Amino acid sequence: MKQTVYTASPESQQIHVWGLNPEGTLTLIQVVDVPGQVQPMVVSPDKRYLYVGVRPEFRVLAWRIAPDNGALTFAAEAPLPGSPTHISTDHSGRFIFSASYNAGSVSVVRLQDGLPVETVDVVEGLEGCHSANISPDNRTLWVPTLKQDRICLFTLSNDGKLVAQTPEDVKTVEGAGPRHMAFHPNHQYAYCVNELNSSVDVWDLRNAHDQIECIQTLDMMPAGFADTRWAADIHITPDGRHLYACDRTASTITIFSISEDGSILAVEGHQPTETQPRGFNVDHSGKYLVAAGQKSHHIALYEIQGQQGLLEEKGRYAVGQGPMWVVINAF
């Protein structure tokens, strides 16, 4: 399996393309100049395209991914109704979802032959909309709205329309600020990192009463931490054994172990990392983690080790200015 790491640096308007080597090093393959401040990125389900959200002209850009080394070639673009804070796709590769924090909305862009064509739906009134996360069955879109302390739930129709479910949302505790999410590979549980109180919630997707329920909340900060809490990103290993979440003020990555059924988290440790880690990701083998320092202008590569999933730094690399997004493709 070959793997490519893509890092987005909005201040220098660049995407860096890295080869992830089996021994735990990165090799720079390409630096792409982007026409705008590049921020959120996602790889298409078929691994053929990289989709990127840019500002101040709100657009989604598509690059073709070379099958031999992951290099990028520009392919298409489409306008977005709001500044893209987070983008994702459905599992069939038919739609792109764009969450806009500033516009308080989530939009759906139709894909044709892998390329963005047009916006087919927009839902507004979602204050602090921070991400859009499709459920494993490709039917429910989970949309955390940070300023409303809730996660809105929409059914995705065949034509890309979003229909509010009943109930239309699930609530977090007041002041939590739900932000990003990850789903367990067994499809039974979801995990949400809360920005404003730096906690992680465990959601039972459908309990015995056919309801969605928050069954655990864990503080992700080290004991005695008294500064402003400012959590950012969350990712799970492919085998569902370990979960990671980062906090930008502390510049740490919190390491969680996950029970075999996915229902219980336990904090295993805290890894100091690059300054202000806005984004990170876990590779497809579950062996490596790559974190971006928004203020250090570097990325760090870690090896995931042992039963606890602790992190050992393997190297750090200079990238563009203000790196804030990491995605990893396997082919």
Protein backbone atom coordinates (compact mmCIF):
# COMPACT_ATOMS: atom_id res chain seq x y z
CA MET A 1 0.00 0.00 0.00
CA LYS A 2 1.28 3.43 -0.99
CA GLN A 3 0.18 6.46 1.02
CA THR A 4 0.24 10.19 0.29
CA VAL A 5 -0.08 12.97 2.86
CA TYR A 6 -1.62 16.30 1.81
CA THR A 7 -1.15 19.40 4.00
CA ALA A 8 -2.99 22.70 3.43
CA SER A 9 -1.29 26.00 4.29
CA PRO A 10 -3.71 28.92 3.80
CA GLU A 11 -1.31 31.75 4.66
CA SER A 12 1.04 30.79 1.80
CA GLN A 13 -1.83 29.38 -0.31
CA GLN A 14 -0.15 26.01 -0.83
CA ILE A 15 -0.76 22.28 -0.70
CA HIS A 16 2.27 20.13 0.07
CA VAL A 17 2.17 16.57 -1.25
CA TRP A 18 4.22 14.02 0.70
CA GLY A 19 4.96 10.36 0.20
CA LEU A 20 4.58 8.42 3.47
CA ASN A 21 7.32 5.80 3.51
CA PRO A 22 6.84 2.45 5.30
CA GLU A 23 9.80 3.09 7.61
CA GLY A 24 8.22 6.27 9.00
CA THR A 25 9.59 9.15 6.94
CA LEU A 26 8.05 11.66 4.55
CA THR A 27 9.32 12.53 1.07
CA LEU A 28 8.20 15.77 -0.56
CA ILE A 29 6.63 15.06 -3.95
CA GLN A 30 5.02 18.34 -4.98
CA VAL A 31 4.11 21.85 -3.82
CA VAL A 32 0.89 23.15 -5.37
CA ASP A 33 0.09 26.87 -5.46
CA VAL A 34 -3.62 27.36 -4.78
CA PRO A 35 -5.69 30.33 -6.03
CA GLY A 36 -6.95 31.29 -2.59
CA GLN A 37 -6.57 30.46 1.09
CA VAL A 38 -6.74 26.69 1.08
CA GLN A 39 -8.30 25.22 4.21
CA PRO A 40 -10.47 22.07 4.47
CA MET A 41 -9.64 19.08 2.27
CA VAL A 42 -11.04 15.59 1.66
CA VAL A 43 -10.18 12.71 -0.66
CA SER A 44 -12.98 11.23 -2.78
CA PRO A 45 -14.18 7.74 -1.82
CA ASP A 46 -12.67 6.26 -5.00
CA LYS A 47 -9.27 7.90 -4.18
CA ARG A 48 -9.17 9.69 -7.55
CA TYR A 49 -9.73 13.29 -6.45
CA LEU A 50 -8.72 15.73 -3.74
CA TYR A 51 -11.42 18.30 -2.93
CA VAL A 52 -10.37 21.57 -1.32
CA GLY A 53 -12.33 24.49 0.11
CA VAL A 54 -10.88 27.99 -0.48
CA ARG A 55 -11.60 31.60 0.48
CA PRO A 56 -12.10 34.59 0.13
CA GLU A 57 -13.82 33.57 -3.12
CA PHE A 58 -15.85 30.71 -1.71
CA ARG A 59 -15.24 27.68 -3.92
CA VAL A 60 -14.55 23.98 -3.87
CA LEU A 61 -11.62 22.95 -6.10
CA ALA A 62 -10.94 19.44 -7.40
CA TRP A 63 -7.53 18.00 -8.24
CA ARG A 64 -6.94 14.67 -9.94
CA ILE A 65 -4.68 12.36 -7.94
CA ALA A 66 -1.95 10.57 -9.89
CA PRO A 67 -2.27 6.83 -9.19
CA ASP A 68 1.48 6.26 -9.05
CA ASN A 69 2.65 8.89 -6.55
CA GLY A 70 -0.36 10.98 -5.47
CA ALA A 71 0.68 14.14 -7.33
CA LEU A 72 -2.09 16.63 -8.11
CA THR A 73 -3.44 18.06 -11.38
CA PHE A 74 -6.19 20.68 -11.31
CA ALA A 75 -9.50 19.40 -12.69
CA ALA A 76 -12.52 21.60 -11.83
CA GLU A 77 -14.14 24.04 -9.43
CA ALA A 78 -17.60 25.12 -8.30
CA PRO A 79 -18.85 28.06 -6.19
CA LEU A 80 -19.97 27.66 -2.58
CA PRO A 81 -22.65 29.76 -0.84
CA GLY A 82 -20.51 30.33 2.26
CA SER A 83 -16.93 30.27 3.49
CA PRO A 84 -15.93 26.57 3.75
CA THR A 85 -14.89 25.60 7.27
CA HIS A 86 -15.08 21.83 6.73
CA ILE A 87 -15.79 19.66 3.69
CA SER A 88 -16.60 15.97 3.37
CA THR A 89 -18.32 13.60 0.95
CA ASP A 90 -20.97 10.94 1.13
CA HIS A 91 -19.68 7.37 0.89
CA SER A 92 -20.86 6.87 -2.70
CA GLY A 93 -19.00 9.90 -4.03
CA ARG A 94 -22.13 11.66 -5.29
CA PHE A 95 -22.08 14.75 -3.05
CA ILE A 96 -19.77 17.13 -1.23
CA PHE A 97 -20.93 18.64 2.08
CA SER A 98 -19.56 22.07 3.04
CA ALA A 99 -20.03 23.40 6.57
CA SER A 100 -19.68 27.17 6.96
CA TYR A 101 -19.04 28.57 10.44
CA ASN A 102 -19.36 32.22 9.38
CA ALA A 103 -22.49 31.70 7.26
CA GLY A 104 -24.09 29.35 9.79
CA SER A 105 -25.01 26.91 7.05
CA VAL A 106 -24.33 23.55 5.46
CA SER A 107 -24.50 23.10 1.69
CA VAL A 108 -24.58 20.11 -0.65
CA VAL A 109 -22.68 20.14 -3.96
CA ARG A 110 -23.49 17.55 -6.60
CA LEU A 111 -20.61 15.60 -8.13
CA GLN A 112 -20.65 14.36 -11.71
CA ASP A 113 -17.94 11.89 -12.74
CA GLY A 114 -16.10 12.92 -9.59
CA LEU A 115 -16.15 16.66 -10.35
CA PRO A 116 -18.15 19.37 -8.49
CA VAL A 117 -21.00 20.73 -10.58
CA GLU A 118 -23.59 22.72 -8.61
CA THR A 119 -25.05 23.39 -5.18
CA VAL A 120 -28.28 21.42 -4.78
CA ASP A 121 -29.24 22.36 -1.21
CA VAL A 122 -28.40 24.83 1.56
CA VAL A 123 -29.61 24.69 5.18
CA GLU A 124 -29.19 27.93 7.13
CA GLY A 125 -29.71 28.94 10.75
CA LEU A 126 -26.92 26.68 12.03
CA GLU A 127 -24.92 29.08 14.19
CA GLY A 128 -21.26 28.14 14.34
CA CYS A 129 -21.71 25.23 11.92
CA HIS A 130 -18.34 23.50 12.13
CA SER A 131 -18.44 20.18 10.27
CA ALA A 132 -20.66 17.81 8.30
CA ASN A 133 -20.26 14.09 8.99
CA ILE A 134 -22.12 11.39 7.09
CA SER A 135 -23.07 8.30 9.08
CA PRO A 136 -21.62 4.90 8.14
CA ASP A 137 -24.90 3.90 6.46
CA ASN A 138 -24.72 7.02 4.25
CA ARG A 139 -28.16 8.20 5.37
CA THR A 140 -27.75 10.63 8.27
CA LEU A 141 -25.66 13.80 8.15
CA TRP A 142 -24.44 14.89 11.59
CA VAL A 143 -23.82 18.66 11.68
CA PRO A 144 -22.31 20.09 14.89
CA THR A 145 -23.34 23.72 15.50
CA LEU A 146 -20.81 25.05 17.97
CA LYS A 147 -22.70 28.18 19.05
CA GLN A 148 -25.93 26.25 19.65
CA ASP A 149 -24.46 23.34 21.64
CA ARG A 150 -26.24 20.79 19.49
CA ILE A 151 -25.63 18.37 16.63
CA CYS A 152 -28.28 18.65 13.92
CA LEU A 153 -29.44 15.48 12.18
CA PHE A 154 -30.50 15.37 8.53
CA THR A 155 -31.57 12.53 6.26
CA LEU A 156 -29.72 12.63 2.93
CA SER A 157 -32.15 12.08 0.04
CA ASN A 158 -31.20 10.47 -3.26
CA ASP A 159 -31.10 13.85 -4.97
CA GLY A 160 -28.85 15.45 -2.33
CA LYS A 161 -31.50 17.27 -0.30
CA LEU A 162 -31.20 17.43 3.48
CA VAL A 163 -34.37 16.67 5.44
CA ALA A 164 -34.45 17.39 9.18
CA GLN A 165 -35.02 14.24 11.20
CA THR A 166 -37.32 13.76 14.19
CA PRO A 167 -35.92 14.63 16.65
CA GLU A 168 -33.97 17.20 14.63
CA ASP A 169 -30.90 17.27 16.89
CA VAL A 170 -29.08 15.97 19.93
CA LYS A 171 -27.84 18.33 22.64
CA THR A 172 -24.43 18.67 24.26
CA VAL A 173 -23.89 20.27 27.66
CA GLU A 174 -24.14 24.06 27.66
CA GLY A 175 -20.90 25.73 26.61
CA ALA A 176 -19.33 22.59 25.14
CA GLY A 177 -19.15 23.81 21.52
CA PRO A 178 -19.35 20.59 19.42
CA ARG A 179 -16.90 20.75 16.52
CA HIS A 180 -15.55 17.65 14.70
CA MET A 181 -16.57 13.96 14.73
CA ALA A 182 -15.32 10.43 14.09
CA PHE A 183 -17.25 7.15 13.75
CA HIS A 184 -16.23 3.76 15.13
CA PRO A 185 -15.62 1.13 12.41
CA ASN A 186 -18.35 -1.08 13.91
CA HIS A 187 -20.86 1.68 13.01
CA GLN A 188 -22.39 1.67 16.49
CA TYR A 189 -20.72 4.71 18.09
CA ALA A 190 -19.63 8.24 17.22
CA TYR A 191 -17.20 10.55 18.99
CA CYS A 192 -17.43 14.36 19.02
CA VAL A 193 -14.71 16.74 20.19
CA ASN A 194 -16.07 19.87 21.89
CA GLU A 195 -14.01 22.99 21.21
CA LEU A 196 -14.97 25.25 24.10
CA ASN A 197 -14.56 22.86 27.04
CA SER A 198 -12.05 20.45 25.41
CA SER A 199 -14.06 17.33 26.08
CA VAL A 200 -15.02 14.31 23.98
CA ASP A 201 -18.55 12.87 23.91
CA VAL A 202 -19.37 9.26 23.06
CA TRP A 203 -22.67 8.88 21.18
CA ASP A 204 -24.56 5.60 20.99
CA LEU A 205 -25.97 5.83 17.46
CA ARG A 206 -29.03 3.71 18.27
CA ASN A 207 -29.54 2.34 21.75
CA ALA A 208 -31.94 -0.42 22.83
CA HIS A 209 -34.80 2.09 22.65
CA ASP A 210 -33.83 3.13 19.09
CA GLN A 211 -32.62 6.51 20.34
CA ILE A 212 -29.36 8.42 20.01
CA GLU A 213 -27.79 8.90 23.42
CA CYS A 214 -24.61 10.46 24.84
CA ILE A 215 -23.21 7.71 27.07
CA GLN A 216 -19.86 9.18 28.14
CA THR A 217 -18.08 12.55 28.33
CA LEU A 218 -14.36 12.73 29.04
CA ASP A 219 -12.15 15.73 29.82
CA MET A 220 -9.25 15.61 27.36
CA MET A 221 -6.93 18.06 29.15
CA PRO A 222 -4.03 17.23 31.47
CA ALA A 223 -4.69 17.49 35.18
CA GLY A 224 -4.28 21.03 36.46
CA PHE A 225 -4.68 22.71 33.07
CA ALA A 226 -6.03 26.21 33.80
CA ASP A 227 -5.67 28.09 30.51
CA THR A 228 -8.30 28.68 27.80
CA ARG A 229 -9.61 25.42 26.36
CA TRP A 230 -9.50 25.32 22.54
CA ALA A 231 -9.91 21.82 21.12
CA ALA A 232 -9.83 21.32 17.36
CA ASP A 233 -9.69 17.93 15.65
CA ILE A 234 -10.44 14.25 16.29
CA HIS A 235 -9.55 11.00 14.49
CA ILE A 236 -9.79 7.25 15.11
CA THR A 237 -7.49 4.42 14.04
CA PRO A 238 -8.88 2.07 11.35
CA ASP A 239 -9.08 -0.83 13.83
CA GLY A 240 -11.13 1.27 16.27
CA ARG A 241 -8.71 0.72 19.15
CA HIS A 242 -7.43 4.28 19.64
CA LEU A 243 -8.85 7.79 19.38
CA TYR A 244 -6.92 11.07 19.25
CA ALA A 245 -7.97 14.69 19.82
CA CYS A 246 -5.94 17.90 19.86
CA ASP A 247 -6.05 21.16 21.80
CA ARG A 248 -4.52 24.31 20.31
CA THR A 249 -3.81 26.27 23.50
CA ALA A 250 -1.95 23.40 25.15
CA SER A 251 -0.42 22.21 21.84
CA THR A 252 -1.12 18.62 22.82
CA ILE A 253 -2.70 15.52 21.36
CA THR A 254 -4.75 13.49 23.82
CA ILE A 255 -4.52 9.72 23.41
CA PHE A 256 -7.57 7.57 24.17
CA SER A 257 -7.97 3.82 24.22
CA ILE A 258 -11.36 2.46 23.14
CA SER A 259 -13.15 -0.55 24.59
CA GLU A 260 -13.62 -3.51 22.25
CA ASP A 261 -17.25 -2.64 21.53
CA GLY A 262 -16.49 1.06 21.04
CA SER A 263 -18.62 2.34 23.91
CA ILE A 264 -15.98 3.41 26.48
CA LEU A 265 -12.99 5.74 26.20
CA ALA A 266 -10.05 5.98 28.59
CA VAL A 267 -7.33 8.64 28.52
CA GLU A 268 -3.91 7.02 28.06
CA GLY A 269 -1.71 10.09 27.81
CA HIS A 270 -0.96 13.51 26.32
CA GLN A 271 1.58 14.07 23.55
CA PRO A 272 3.17 17.54 23.22
CA THR A 273 3.15 18.48 19.54
CA GLU A 274 3.59 21.35 17.09
CA THR A 275 2.45 24.79 18.23
CA GLN A 276 -1.30 25.31 17.83
CA PRO A 277 -2.28 21.97 16.22
CA ARG A 278 -5.34 22.93 14.17
CA GLY A 279 -5.48 19.64 12.22
CA PHE A 280 -4.01 16.15 12.14
CA ASN A 281 -4.81 12.73 10.74
CA VAL A 282 -4.15 9.01 11.12
CA ASP A 283 -2.82 6.95 8.22
CA HIS A 284 -4.74 4.03 6.69
CA SER A 285 -2.55 1.37 8.32
CA GLY A 286 -3.16 2.80 11.77
CA LYS A 287 0.60 2.99 12.32
CA TYR A 288 1.27 6.72 11.89
CA LEU A 289 -0.22 10.09 12.85
CA VAL A 290 0.63 13.40 11.16
CA ALA A 291 -0.03 16.69 13.02
CA ALA A 292 0.17 20.24 11.65
CA GLY A 293 1.30 23.22 13.73
CA GLN A 294 -0.56 26.33 12.64
CA LYS A 295 1.96 28.55 14.45
CA SER A 296 5.11 26.44 13.99
CA HIS A 297 4.69 26.09 10.19
CA HIS A 298 5.82 22.47 10.51
CA ILE A 299 4.22 19.05 10.53
CA ALA A 300 5.25 16.22 12.84
CA LEU A 301 5.12 12.50 12.03
CA TYR A 302 4.47 10.06 14.89
CA GLU A 303 4.46 6.30 15.15
CA ILE A 304 1.49 4.84 17.05
CA GLN A 305 2.82 2.29 19.51
CA GLY A 306 1.63 -0.42 21.86
CA GLN A 307 -1.63 -1.25 23.57
CA GLN A 308 -2.03 2.32 24.77
CA GLY A 309 -1.54 3.88 21.34
CA LEU A 310 1.14 6.26 22.58
CA LEU A 311 2.97 8.44 20.06
CA GLU A 312 6.69 8.46 19.26
CA GLU A 313 7.93 11.30 17.07
CA LYS A 314 9.72 10.09 13.94
CA GLY A 315 10.43 13.46 12.36
CA ARG A 316 9.22 17.00 11.66
CA TYR A 317 9.10 18.83 8.36
CA ALA A 318 8.74 22.46 7.27
CA VAL A 319 5.62 23.15 5.18
CA GLY A 320 3.86 26.32 4.05
CA GLN A 321 2.68 29.09 6.36
CA GLY A 322 -0.11 28.36 8.84
CA PRO A 323 -0.74 24.67 8.05
CA MET A 324 -4.15 23.66 9.34
CA TRP A 325 -5.42 20.59 7.48
CA VAL A 326 -4.02 17.09 6.93
CA VAL A 327 -5.53 14.30 4.81
CA ILE A 328 -3.97 10.97 3.91
CA ASN A 329 -4.75 8.89 0.83
CA ALA A 330 -3.95 5.21 0.28
CA PHE A 331 -3.70 3.59 -3.15
